[in-house]
Amino acid sequence: MQNRLINKMNENFAEYLRDESRVCGNADSISFPKDEESIINIVKDAYNKNILLTIQGARTGLAAGAVPNGGHIINLSKMDKIISMKNVDEEYYLTVQPGLILSNLIEEVENKKICIENFSKESKKAYVKFLADKNKYFFAPDPTEKTATLGGMVACNASGAKSYLYGSTRNHVTGLKIVFIDGDKLSIQRGVYKARGRRLSFFTSENKKIELKLPKYEMPTTKNASGYFIEDNMDLIDLFIGSDGTLGIITEIEIKLKKRPNIIWGVNCFFEKEDIVIEFVQEVKKQMNCIAAIEFFDKNALEILRKQRENSSGFSKLPSVRKEMEASIYLEIHADDEEKAIEALKNIGEIMKELGNSDENTWVGRTDEDKNKLLLFRHAVPESVNMLIDSRRKDNSKITKLGTDMAVKSKDFRYIFNLYKKDLMKYNLEYAIWGHIGDNHLHVNILPRDINDFEIGKILYKNWADKVSEIGGAVSAEHGIGKIKTEFLKIMYGEEHINEMVKLKKYFDSKELLSIGNMFKIEKGSKY
């Protein structure tokens, strides 16, 4: 590719060959476009020369979706601006570039300090109204990694802790601009293009009519980020959200902001007996409607935190957890006023006591300082586990953490939880379990001590994917499929429906150049 934007790969760009999955790929070149026109020039060149393209943001993903399989990398981190705002029916919408970092968006929105230098007159008018509005606003999706980009979040339909109340990224995206592999474009607003049953048609920017016959599979009714979003009478925009960068390159994203609750308190509830935790969660879900997050940490996760607190100065601010505690549930209360929040605290305490647990086994975060300690507790668990595995990889680079991302229906949660624990203990594996128990979605993290543990862990992971699929669950609830979970997607949907997905992709990418290896493995020249 002869282009002034293109850099040949060398040691200066080595970090762009990997993401947080710890998988490492290869590429010939990389570019950092700053606008849509540059992207169009790059993809047209690649299309004409049959060069593979991999799309990247901040590379915070855990499924290797941003890891290149050769060819050229388009890294969107330089496209990081908020470019417009609108106010419709007292609701605020922002249009952002895909490389915008989530933490920067959070700060600018919550502090109402958005750079409007390049805003249009109408956008500036909306911003003036936004500043005068007495309400505070926020972007609800809450993945653990706040350095994720908005484009990456859309690509895997990211969610996080607060998805229990607010849903995944999909629920908050109202518009997209997309560049296809041949340089054609599409601008979509939610509600404009709707399928008729499983038939979907629309026009591109160059007035090319696209007519699609959508796959026949039925998605699970659980939290889900596995494969293409497909349902009867669906909205076109939802096809691209969660598509792992396989259909086109997102260049603009319109998001809807939500009013921020006046009161946000965190509560960590500790349990001396893990076996009552599921009942506690069920009662909270049944009785309370002001809970935004319900997060679980098992005994092993708590023990990892204890050790980190003792041995690492960076974790010295973590509160101390008594050794007899076998599990913890983190709850986040979102309320309009303090009276309702206090009532929620009382309700939580009553549920704990009814189940034979002391309501004194709680930490409550009301002040910013206390809430930050609880957030540190939540985020320190995955960080600590990654540090542990990285230290082990120094002795054996072939082992990695094996972390599940599967969700099931409420009625099946106890069964799958018990299955996880039974298998882990049977093979004497080291593990830690945490995650979004409110959504029946846990991350089971197998921590291999050697290659034998690693191989057994891989077998268990596949077996669990089989069981989850059999009972109508999702093999990926929030991280997407990427390149790591392609076999699990095949287990979940079967060969016939994977072939339908491949055929759908080829409507948009007939030369099989874009993000190849994500979601499913395409064999060059395959006839689906």
Protein backbone atom coordinates (compact mmCIF):
# COMPACT_ATOMS: atom_id res chain seq x y z
CA MET A 1 0.00 0.00 0.00
CA GLN A 2 1.58 3.25 -1.11
CA ASN A 3 0.00 5.90 1.10
CA ARG A 4 1.44 8.66 3.26
CA LEU A 5 -0.78 7.41 6.11
CA ILE A 6 0.76 3.95 6.05
CA ASN A 7 3.56 2.88 8.39
CA LYS A 8 5.50 -0.34 7.87
CA MET A 9 5.45 -2.56 10.93
CA ASN A 10 8.57 -2.47 13.11
CA GLU A 11 9.41 -2.69 16.82
CA ASN A 12 7.89 0.76 17.39
CA PHE A 13 4.46 -0.67 16.62
CA ALA A 14 4.88 -4.07 18.31
CA GLU A 15 2.19 -3.32 20.93
CA TYR A 16 -0.44 -3.09 18.17
CA LEU A 17 -0.03 -6.79 17.41
CA ARG A 18 -1.82 -7.76 20.66
CA ASP A 19 -4.71 -6.85 22.94
CA GLU A 20 -5.70 -7.67 26.52
CA SER A 21 -6.34 -11.28 25.56
CA ARG A 22 -2.52 -11.66 25.47
CA VAL A 23 -2.83 -13.17 21.98
CA CYS A 24 -0.20 -11.84 19.56
CA GLY A 25 -0.70 -11.58 15.78
CA ASN A 26 1.18 -10.23 12.78
CA ALA A 27 0.77 -7.45 10.23
CA ASP A 28 2.72 -5.78 7.44
CA SER A 29 1.63 -2.20 8.07
CA ILE A 30 -0.45 0.11 10.25
CA SER A 31 -2.23 3.45 9.91
CA PHE A 32 -3.79 5.96 12.31
CA PRO A 33 -6.41 7.87 10.27
CA LYS A 34 -7.86 11.06 11.70
CA ASP A 35 -10.99 11.29 9.59
CA GLU A 36 -13.43 9.32 7.47
CA GLU A 37 -11.90 10.41 4.17
CA SER A 38 -8.57 8.87 5.17
CA ILE A 39 -10.30 5.60 6.05
CA ILE A 40 -12.03 5.53 2.66
CA ASN A 41 -8.71 6.03 0.85
CA ILE A 42 -7.11 3.20 2.83
CA VAL A 43 -9.93 0.69 2.34
CA LYS A 44 -10.22 1.41 -1.40
CA ASP A 45 -6.50 0.75 -1.78
CA ALA A 46 -6.73 -2.42 0.28
CA TYR A 47 -9.81 -3.57 -1.65
CA ASN A 48 -8.10 -3.11 -5.01
CA LYS A 49 -4.98 -4.97 -3.81
CA ASN A 50 -6.74 -7.71 -1.79
CA ILE A 51 -5.04 -6.69 1.47
CA LEU A 52 -6.48 -7.97 4.77
CA LEU A 53 -7.65 -5.27 7.19
CA THR A 54 -7.96 -5.40 10.99
CA ILE A 55 -9.75 -2.60 12.86
CA GLN A 56 -8.51 -1.49 16.28
CA GLY A 57 -9.42 0.92 19.04
CA ALA A 58 -7.67 0.87 22.41
CA ARG A 59 -7.11 -2.93 22.27
CA THR A 60 -8.75 -3.49 25.67
CA GLY A 61 -10.76 -6.47 24.40
CA LEU A 62 -10.42 -9.95 25.86
CA ALA A 63 -11.38 -11.97 22.77
CA ALA A 64 -8.51 -11.02 20.40
CA GLY A 65 -10.85 -9.14 18.06
CA ALA A 66 -8.21 -6.44 17.54
CA VAL A 67 -5.35 -8.88 16.95
CA PRO A 68 -4.28 -8.83 13.26
CA ASN A 69 -4.06 -11.91 11.04
CA GLY A 70 -1.64 -10.33 8.60
CA GLY A 71 -2.15 -7.44 6.16
CA HIS A 72 -2.87 -3.94 7.42
CA ILE A 73 -4.08 -2.50 10.76
CA ILE A 74 -6.40 0.51 10.86
CA ASN A 75 -6.10 1.92 14.37
CA LEU A 76 -8.83 4.47 15.12
CA SER A 77 -7.34 5.97 18.30
CA LYS A 78 -6.69 9.35 16.60
CA MET A 79 -10.40 9.73 15.80
CA ASP A 80 -11.28 10.66 19.38
CA LYS A 81 -13.54 13.72 19.31
CA ILE A 82 -17.09 14.58 20.32
CA ILE A 83 -18.28 16.17 17.10
CA SER A 84 -21.89 17.26 17.70
CA MET A 85 -24.79 17.46 20.14
CA LYS A 86 -28.53 17.64 19.67
CA ASN A 87 -31.52 18.10 21.93
CA VAL A 88 -34.77 16.36 20.97
CA ASP A 89 -37.83 16.19 23.24
CA GLU A 90 -35.68 17.21 26.23
CA GLU A 91 -33.24 14.36 25.55
CA TYR A 92 -29.56 14.91 24.72
CA TYR A 93 -27.60 13.04 22.06
CA LEU A 94 -23.89 13.18 21.27
CA THR A 95 -22.17 12.15 18.06
CA VAL A 96 -18.66 10.90 18.70
CA GLN A 97 -15.78 9.41 16.76
CA PRO A 98 -15.00 5.72 17.36
CA GLY A 99 -11.62 6.34 19.00
CA LEU A 100 -13.06 8.38 21.87
CA ILE A 101 -11.98 6.86 25.19
CA LEU A 102 -14.85 6.03 27.55
CA SER A 103 -13.21 7.67 30.59
CA ASN A 104 -12.83 10.93 28.63
CA LEU A 105 -16.48 10.83 27.59
CA ILE A 106 -17.55 10.19 31.19
CA GLU A 107 -15.52 13.13 32.47
CA GLU A 108 -16.66 15.59 29.79
CA VAL A 109 -20.34 14.71 30.14
CA GLU A 110 -20.53 14.56 33.92
CA ASN A 111 -18.56 17.78 34.36
CA LYS A 112 -20.35 19.44 31.43
CA LYS A 113 -17.04 20.46 29.90
CA ILE A 114 -17.21 19.38 26.28
CA CYS A 115 -14.91 20.90 23.66
CA ILE A 116 -17.28 22.58 21.20
CA GLU A 117 -14.69 24.26 18.97
CA ASN A 118 -15.90 22.45 15.85
CA PHE A 119 -19.59 22.27 16.77
CA SER A 120 -22.16 23.57 14.30
CA LYS A 121 -24.48 26.41 15.26
CA GLU A 122 -27.25 23.94 16.10
CA SER A 123 -24.89 21.82 18.21
CA LYS A 124 -23.73 24.86 20.14
CA LYS A 125 -27.34 25.81 20.77
CA ALA A 126 -28.01 22.34 22.19
CA TYR A 127 -24.88 22.60 24.32
CA VAL A 128 -25.97 25.93 25.82
CA LYS A 129 -29.24 24.26 26.81
CA PHE A 130 -27.29 21.31 28.22
CA LEU A 131 -25.22 23.65 30.41
CA ALA A 132 -28.34 25.39 31.70
CA ASP A 133 -30.09 22.10 32.48
CA LYS A 134 -30.07 21.52 36.26
CA ASN A 135 -29.98 17.76 35.75
CA LYS A 136 -26.72 15.86 35.46
CA TYR A 137 -26.28 13.31 32.67
CA PHE A 138 -24.20 10.22 32.01
CA PHE A 139 -23.51 7.48 29.49
CA ALA A 140 -24.84 4.32 31.11
CA PRO A 141 -22.72 1.42 29.69
CA ASP A 142 -20.14 0.48 32.30
CA PRO A 143 -17.41 -1.94 31.16
CA THR A 144 -14.69 -2.54 33.74
CA GLU A 145 -12.00 -1.14 31.44
CA LYS A 146 -12.70 2.60 31.21
CA THR A 147 -9.91 3.07 28.66
CA ALA A 148 -12.03 1.22 26.08
CA THR A 149 -13.03 3.22 23.01
CA LEU A 150 -16.64 3.85 22.01
CA GLY A 151 -16.01 2.09 18.69
CA GLY A 152 -14.73 -1.00 20.49
CA MET A 153 -17.72 -0.96 22.81
CA VAL A 154 -20.10 -0.87 19.84
CA ALA A 155 -18.12 -3.59 18.03
CA CYS A 156 -18.61 -6.12 20.86
CA ASN A 157 -21.81 -4.64 22.36
CA ALA A 158 -20.01 -4.10 25.67
CA SER A 159 -21.96 -3.89 28.91
CA GLY A 160 -20.53 -4.20 32.43
CA ALA A 161 -21.81 -3.93 35.98
CA LYS A 162 -24.67 -1.49 35.42
CA SER A 163 -26.14 -3.49 32.55
CA TYR A 164 -28.44 -5.07 35.12
CA LEU A 165 -30.47 -1.84 35.13
CA TYR A 166 -29.45 -0.03 31.96
CA GLY A 167 -28.67 -2.78 29.47
CA SER A 168 -25.73 -3.08 27.07
CA THR A 169 -24.19 -0.53 24.69
CA ARG A 170 -26.84 -1.41 22.08
CA ASN A 171 -29.54 0.21 24.22
CA HIS A 172 -27.81 3.59 24.06
CA VAL A 173 -26.74 3.82 20.39
CA THR A 174 -29.12 5.76 18.14
CA GLY A 175 -27.02 6.32 15.04
CA LEU A 176 -23.98 5.02 13.16
CA LYS A 177 -21.86 5.95 10.15
CA ILE A 178 -20.10 3.04 8.51
CA VAL A 179 -17.54 2.70 5.72
CA PHE A 180 -17.70 -0.56 3.80
CA ILE A 181 -14.70 -2.44 2.45
CA ASP A 182 -15.16 -1.02 -1.09
CA GLY A 183 -15.30 2.58 0.19
CA ASP A 184 -19.09 2.94 0.01
CA LYS A 185 -20.77 4.40 3.12
CA LEU A 186 -23.91 4.04 5.20
CA SER A 187 -25.51 6.48 7.60
CA ILE A 188 -28.13 4.91 9.88
CA GLN A 189 -30.55 6.31 12.43
CA ARG A 190 -32.38 3.95 14.71
CA GLY A 191 -35.93 3.37 13.46
CA VAL A 192 -35.32 4.30 9.79
CA TYR A 193 -34.54 0.89 8.29
CA LYS A 194 -36.54 -2.04 9.72
CA ALA A 195 -36.68 -5.63 8.52
CA ARG A 196 -39.89 -7.26 7.35
CA GLY A 197 -39.66 -10.57 9.08
CA ARG A 198 -36.20 -11.78 8.08
CA ARG A 199 -35.91 -9.60 4.95
CA LEU A 200 -33.96 -6.35 5.21
CA SER A 201 -33.27 -3.77 2.52
CA PHE A 202 -31.59 -0.35 2.57
CA PHE A 203 -29.63 2.10 0.42
CA THR A 204 -25.97 3.09 0.82
CA SER A 205 -24.64 6.63 0.39
CA GLU A 206 -23.92 5.86 -3.26
CA ASN A 207 -27.58 4.84 -3.67
CA LYS A 208 -26.74 1.18 -3.95
CA LYS A 209 -29.64 -0.99 -2.83
CA ILE A 210 -28.72 -3.79 -0.43
CA GLU A 211 -31.21 -6.62 0.05
CA LEU A 212 -30.49 -9.18 2.74
CA LYS A 213 -32.01 -12.48 3.66
CA LEU A 214 -31.27 -12.72 7.37
CA PRO A 215 -30.23 -15.96 9.11
CA LYS A 216 -32.94 -18.18 10.58
CA TYR A 217 -31.47 -18.77 14.06
CA GLU A 218 -33.11 -17.61 17.27
CA MET A 219 -30.95 -15.72 19.75
CA PRO A 220 -30.94 -16.71 23.43
CA THR A 221 -33.14 -14.65 25.74
CA THR A 222 -30.18 -14.09 28.07
CA LYS A 223 -27.62 -11.31 28.10
CA ASN A 224 -25.83 -11.93 24.79
CA ALA A 225 -22.91 -10.72 22.68
CA SER A 226 -22.52 -13.88 20.59
CA GLY A 227 -22.71 -13.58 16.81
CA TYR A 228 -24.81 -11.21 14.72
CA PHE A 229 -27.95 -9.74 16.29
CA ILE A 230 -30.81 -11.29 14.34
CA GLU A 231 -34.55 -11.26 15.01
CA ASP A 232 -37.82 -10.72 13.18
CA ASN A 233 -38.52 -7.10 12.16
CA MET A 234 -35.18 -5.97 13.57
CA ASP A 235 -33.62 -2.54 13.20
CA LEU A 236 -30.73 -2.36 10.71
CA ILE A 237 -28.52 -0.54 13.22
CA ASP A 238 -28.53 -3.58 15.50
CA LEU A 239 -26.91 -5.74 12.84
CA PHE A 240 -23.72 -3.66 13.10
CA ILE A 241 -23.68 -3.34 16.89
CA GLY A 242 -21.82 -6.39 18.19
CA SER A 243 -20.58 -7.42 14.73
CA ASP A 244 -16.91 -7.57 15.85
CA GLY A 245 -15.74 -5.30 13.02
CA THR A 246 -16.63 -7.89 10.37
CA LEU A 247 -19.18 -5.91 8.29
CA GLY A 248 -17.77 -2.40 8.06
CA ILE A 249 -15.73 0.29 9.79
CA ILE A 250 -17.60 2.54 12.21
CA THR A 251 -16.63 6.19 11.73
CA GLU A 252 -19.29 7.98 13.82
CA ILE A 253 -21.54 6.92 16.71
CA GLU A 254 -24.59 8.77 18.02
CA ILE A 255 -25.35 7.98 21.65
CA LYS A 256 -28.21 8.94 23.94
CA LEU A 257 -27.39 10.31 27.39
CA LYS A 258 -29.39 9.47 30.51
CA LYS A 259 -30.26 11.65 33.46
CA ARG A 260 -27.89 10.82 36.30
CA PRO A 261 -29.60 9.74 39.54
CA ASN A 262 -29.28 12.24 42.37
CA ILE A 263 -28.10 9.53 44.75
CA ILE A 264 -25.63 6.75 43.86
CA TRP A 265 -24.46 4.60 46.78
CA GLY A 266 -22.45 1.40 46.76
CA VAL A 267 -22.96 -1.48 49.21
CA ASN A 268 -20.68 -4.49 49.65
CA CYS A 269 -22.45 -7.35 51.43
CA PHE A 270 -20.27 -10.16 52.82
CA PHE A 271 -21.39 -13.71 53.50
CA GLU A 272 -19.90 -16.38 55.76
CA LYS A 273 -21.77 -19.04 53.77
CA GLU A 274 -21.65 -18.92 49.97
CA ASP A 275 -24.70 -21.17 49.62
CA ILE A 276 -27.14 -18.37 50.58
CA VAL A 277 -25.78 -15.87 48.06
CA ILE A 278 -28.01 -17.01 45.19
CA GLU A 279 -31.11 -16.72 47.39
CA PHE A 280 -29.99 -13.24 48.48
CA VAL A 281 -29.61 -12.13 44.87
CA GLN A 282 -32.99 -13.59 43.90
CA GLU A 283 -34.67 -11.67 46.74
CA VAL A 284 -32.94 -8.41 45.82
CA LYS A 285 -34.07 -8.80 42.21
CA LYS A 286 -37.61 -9.63 43.30
CA GLN A 287 -38.05 -6.89 45.90
CA MET A 288 -35.99 -3.93 44.67
CA ASN A 289 -36.15 -1.76 41.53
CA CYS A 290 -33.46 0.81 42.35
CA ILE A 291 -30.44 -1.48 42.03
CA ALA A 292 -28.19 -0.74 39.04
CA ALA A 293 -25.53 -3.40 39.62
CA ILE A 294 -25.37 -6.80 41.35
CA GLU A 295 -21.82 -8.17 41.34
CA PHE A 296 -20.46 -11.42 42.82
CA PHE A 297 -17.01 -12.29 44.22
CA ASP A 298 -16.24 -15.77 45.48
CA LYS A 299 -13.96 -16.85 48.34
CA ASN A 300 -10.94 -17.24 46.07
CA ALA A 301 -11.37 -13.76 44.60
CA LEU A 302 -11.50 -12.34 48.14
CA GLU A 303 -8.36 -14.28 49.09
CA ILE A 304 -6.50 -12.91 46.07
CA LEU A 305 -7.41 -9.39 47.22
CA ARG A 306 -6.21 -10.11 50.75
CA LYS A 307 -2.83 -11.22 49.44
CA GLN A 308 -2.54 -8.21 47.14
CA ARG A 309 -3.37 -5.88 50.01
CA GLU A 310 -0.64 -7.46 52.14
CA ASN A 311 2.05 -7.73 49.48
CA SER A 312 1.55 -4.80 47.12
CA SER A 313 1.70 -1.11 48.05
CA GLY A 314 -0.51 -0.33 45.07
CA PHE A 315 -3.39 -2.15 46.77
CA SER A 316 -2.80 -0.93 50.32
CA LYS A 317 -5.94 1.24 50.20
CA LEU A 318 -8.16 -1.83 49.77
CA PRO A 319 -10.36 -2.34 52.85
CA SER A 320 -9.58 -5.45 54.89
CA VAL A 321 -11.89 -8.47 54.42
CA ARG A 322 -12.28 -10.94 57.29
CA LYS A 323 -10.99 -14.43 56.44
CA GLU A 324 -14.22 -16.20 57.40
CA MET A 325 -16.08 -14.46 54.57
CA GLU A 326 -16.81 -16.86 51.70
CA ALA A 327 -18.41 -14.46 49.22
CA SER A 328 -19.32 -10.86 48.54
CA ILE A 329 -22.13 -9.16 46.64
CA TYR A 330 -21.66 -5.57 45.49
CA LEU A 331 -24.89 -3.62 44.98
CA GLU A 332 -25.22 -0.13 43.54
CA ILE A 333 -28.25 1.92 44.56
CA HIS A 334 -29.54 4.56 42.13
CA ALA A 335 -32.24 6.73 43.68
CA ASP A 336 -33.91 10.11 43.18
CA ASP A 337 -33.42 11.20 46.78
CA GLU A 338 -31.67 10.20 50.00
CA GLU A 339 -34.87 8.98 51.63
CA LYS A 340 -35.35 6.33 48.93
CA ALA A 341 -31.69 5.33 49.15
CA ILE A 342 -31.90 4.86 52.93
CA GLU A 343 -35.04 2.77 52.45
CA ALA A 344 -33.11 0.62 49.97
CA LEU A 345 -30.30 0.11 52.50
CA LYS A 346 -32.82 -1.02 55.10
CA ASN A 347 -34.35 -3.43 52.60
CA ILE A 348 -30.94 -4.95 51.83
CA GLY A 349 -30.26 -5.41 55.55
CA GLU A 350 -33.62 -7.07 56.09
CA ILE A 351 -33.02 -9.54 53.26
CA MET A 352 -29.63 -10.42 54.72
CA LYS A 353 -31.11 -11.05 58.18
CA GLU A 354 -33.99 -13.13 56.79
CA LEU A 355 -31.40 -15.45 55.25
CA GLY A 356 -29.46 -15.79 58.50
CA ASN A 357 -26.65 -13.39 57.63
CA SER A 358 -25.72 -10.36 59.71
CA ASP A 359 -26.54 -6.95 58.22
CA GLU A 360 -23.37 -5.72 59.95
CA ASN A 361 -21.31 -7.54 57.31
CA THR A 362 -21.57 -4.63 54.90
CA TRP A 363 -19.56 -1.70 53.65
CA VAL A 364 -21.59 1.29 52.52
CA GLY A 365 -20.13 3.91 50.21
CA ARG A 366 -21.99 7.23 50.35
CA THR A 367 -19.15 9.76 50.07
CA ASP A 368 -16.95 9.97 46.99
CA GLU A 369 -14.00 8.65 49.01
CA ASP A 370 -15.92 5.61 50.27
CA LYS A 371 -17.44 4.92 46.85
CA ASN A 372 -13.99 5.03 45.28
CA LYS A 373 -12.79 2.40 47.76
CA LEU A 374 -15.63 0.12 46.76
CA LEU A 375 -14.86 0.68 43.07
CA LEU A 376 -11.20 -0.09 43.76
CA PHE A 377 -12.33 -3.34 45.37
CA ARG A 378 -14.41 -4.27 42.30
CA HIS A 379 -11.73 -3.46 39.76
CA ALA A 380 -8.78 -4.83 41.75
CA VAL A 381 -9.95 -8.44 41.34
CA PRO A 382 -9.46 -8.81 37.55
CA GLU A 383 -6.33 -6.64 37.69
CA SER A 384 -4.84 -8.85 40.41
CA VAL A 385 -5.62 -12.03 38.49
CA ASN A 386 -4.01 -10.67 35.32
CA MET A 387 -0.88 -9.76 37.32
CA LEU A 388 -0.76 -13.28 38.76
CA ILE A 389 -1.03 -14.93 35.34
CA ASP A 390 1.52 -12.57 33.77
CA SER A 391 4.02 -13.57 36.45
CA ARG A 392 3.40 -17.27 35.70
CA ARG A 393 3.76 -16.69 31.96
CA LYS A 394 7.36 -15.65 32.54
CA ASP A 395 8.11 -19.31 33.30
CA ASN A 396 5.73 -20.77 30.71
CA SER A 397 4.53 -18.47 27.94
CA LYS A 398 2.07 -21.10 26.65
CA ILE A 399 -0.31 -20.72 29.57
CA THR A 400 -2.89 -17.95 29.87
CA LYS A 401 -5.85 -17.20 32.09
CA LEU A 402 -8.97 -19.00 30.91
CA GLY A 403 -11.95 -16.75 31.61
CA THR A 404 -15.53 -17.61 30.77
CA ASP A 405 -18.09 -15.04 29.66
CA MET A 406 -21.29 -17.10 29.55
CA ALA A 407 -24.83 -16.22 30.64
CA VAL A 408 -27.87 -18.40 31.30
CA LYS A 409 -31.55 -17.93 32.15
CA SER A 410 -32.44 -17.24 35.78
CA LYS A 411 -34.01 -20.68 36.21
CA ASP A 412 -30.73 -22.35 35.15
CA PHE A 413 -28.29 -20.24 37.14
CA ARG A 414 -27.98 -22.46 40.21
CA TYR A 415 -27.43 -25.53 38.01
CA ILE A 416 -24.63 -23.93 35.98
CA PHE A 417 -23.00 -22.37 39.06
CA ASN A 418 -22.89 -25.75 40.80
CA LEU A 419 -21.52 -27.37 37.63
CA TYR A 420 -18.66 -24.85 37.50
CA LYS A 421 -17.73 -25.48 41.13
CA LYS A 422 -18.02 -29.28 40.86
CA ASP A 423 -15.72 -29.47 37.80
CA LEU A 424 -13.14 -27.06 39.20
CA MET A 425 -12.85 -29.00 42.45
CA LYS A 426 -12.81 -32.37 40.66
CA TYR A 427 -9.62 -31.41 38.82
CA ASN A 428 -8.11 -29.43 41.71
CA LEU A 429 -7.76 -26.29 39.57
CA GLU A 430 -6.91 -22.89 40.98
CA TYR A 431 -9.68 -20.43 40.12
CA ALA A 432 -11.52 -17.27 41.04
CA ILE A 433 -15.13 -16.44 40.13
CA TRP A 434 -16.66 -13.01 39.89
CA GLY A 435 -19.05 -11.07 37.71
CA HIS A 436 -22.53 -9.91 36.92
CA ILE A 437 -24.65 -12.30 38.94
CA GLY A 438 -27.69 -10.02 38.51
CA ASP A 439 -27.63 -10.95 34.80
CA ASN A 440 -26.88 -14.65 35.56
CA HIS A 441 -23.49 -13.96 34.01
CA LEU A 442 -20.28 -14.94 35.80
CA HIS A 443 -16.62 -14.88 34.79
CA VAL A 444 -15.08 -18.18 35.87
CA ASN A 445 -11.32 -17.60 35.78
CA ILE A 446 -9.14 -20.70 35.69
CA LEU A 447 -5.61 -19.82 36.81
CA PRO A 448 -3.29 -22.51 35.41
CA ARG A 449 -0.18 -23.36 37.42
CA ASP A 450 1.28 -25.41 34.57
CA ILE A 451 0.47 -26.64 31.06
CA ASN A 452 -1.51 -29.59 32.41
CA ASP A 453 -3.88 -27.23 34.26
CA PHE A 454 -4.15 -25.18 31.08
CA GLU A 455 -5.13 -28.16 28.91
CA ILE A 456 -7.69 -29.41 31.45
CA GLY A 457 -9.10 -25.88 31.71
CA LYS A 458 -9.61 -25.70 27.95
CA ILE A 459 -11.53 -28.97 27.99
CA LEU A 460 -13.74 -27.75 30.85
CA TYR A 461 -14.40 -24.46 29.07
CA LYS A 462 -15.61 -26.34 25.97
CA ASN A 463 -17.75 -28.66 28.08
CA TRP A 464 -19.35 -25.68 29.83
CA ALA A 465 -20.04 -24.07 26.44
CA ASP A 466 -21.83 -27.29 25.44
CA LYS A 467 -23.97 -27.26 28.59
CA VAL A 468 -24.75 -23.53 28.41
CA SER A 469 -25.78 -23.86 24.77
CA GLU A 470 -27.98 -26.89 25.52
CA ILE A 471 -30.01 -24.90 28.05
CA GLY A 472 -30.41 -21.84 25.80
CA GLY A 473 -27.63 -19.65 27.19
CA ALA A 474 -25.00 -17.46 25.50
CA VAL A 475 -21.33 -18.41 25.17
CA SER A 476 -20.37 -14.73 25.23
CA ALA A 477 -22.45 -12.28 27.19
CA GLU A 478 -20.38 -9.09 26.87
CA HIS A 479 -16.88 -9.56 25.41
CA GLY A 480 -17.86 -10.65 21.92
CA ILE A 481 -16.55 -13.69 20.06
CA GLY A 482 -13.39 -12.25 18.50
CA LYS A 483 -10.87 -14.88 17.44
CA ILE A 484 -10.79 -16.80 20.71
CA LYS A 485 -14.38 -18.07 20.95
CA THR A 486 -15.17 -19.06 17.36
CA GLU A 487 -15.49 -22.73 18.30
CA PHE A 488 -17.90 -21.83 21.12
CA LEU A 489 -20.09 -19.86 18.70
CA LYS A 490 -20.24 -22.95 16.49
CA ILE A 491 -21.29 -25.02 19.52
CA MET A 492 -23.97 -22.46 20.37
CA TYR A 493 -25.54 -22.11 16.91
CA GLY A 494 -24.37 -25.14 14.90
CA GLU A 495 -22.71 -25.41 11.51
CA GLU A 496 -25.80 -24.47 9.48
CA HIS A 497 -26.31 -21.15 11.25
CA ILE A 498 -22.59 -20.33 11.21
CA ASN A 499 -22.76 -20.79 7.44
CA GLU A 500 -25.66 -18.31 7.38
CA MET A 501 -23.52 -15.78 9.27
CA VAL A 502 -20.66 -16.27 6.83
CA LYS A 503 -23.02 -15.72 3.90
CA LEU A 504 -24.34 -12.54 5.54
CA LYS A 505 -20.80 -11.22 6.01
CA LYS A 506 -20.05 -11.84 2.34
CA TYR A 507 -22.85 -9.46 1.31
CA PHE A 508 -20.65 -6.72 2.76
CA ASP A 509 -17.19 -8.24 2.28
CA SER A 510 -17.21 -10.39 -0.84
CA LYS A 511 -13.40 -10.52 -1.00
CA GLU A 512 -13.10 -11.72 2.62
CA LEU A 513 -10.71 -8.97 3.72
CA LEU A 514 -12.22 -7.34 6.81
CA SER A 515 -11.42 -8.60 10.34
CA ILE A 516 -10.97 -12.15 9.09
CA GLY A 517 -10.90 -14.67 11.93
CA ASN A 518 -13.34 -12.71 14.08
CA MET A 519 -16.56 -14.53 14.96
CA PHE A 520 -15.91 -17.47 12.63
CA LYS A 521 -13.10 -18.83 10.52
CA ILE A 522 -13.64 -18.26 6.82
CA GLU A 523 -11.72 -20.46 4.44
CA LYS A 524 -10.68 -18.42 1.43
CA GLY A 525 -12.89 -19.21 -1.53
CA SER A 526 -15.47 -21.09 0.53
CA LYS A 527 -18.86 -21.51 -1.18
CA TYR A 528 -21.53 -20.69 1.40
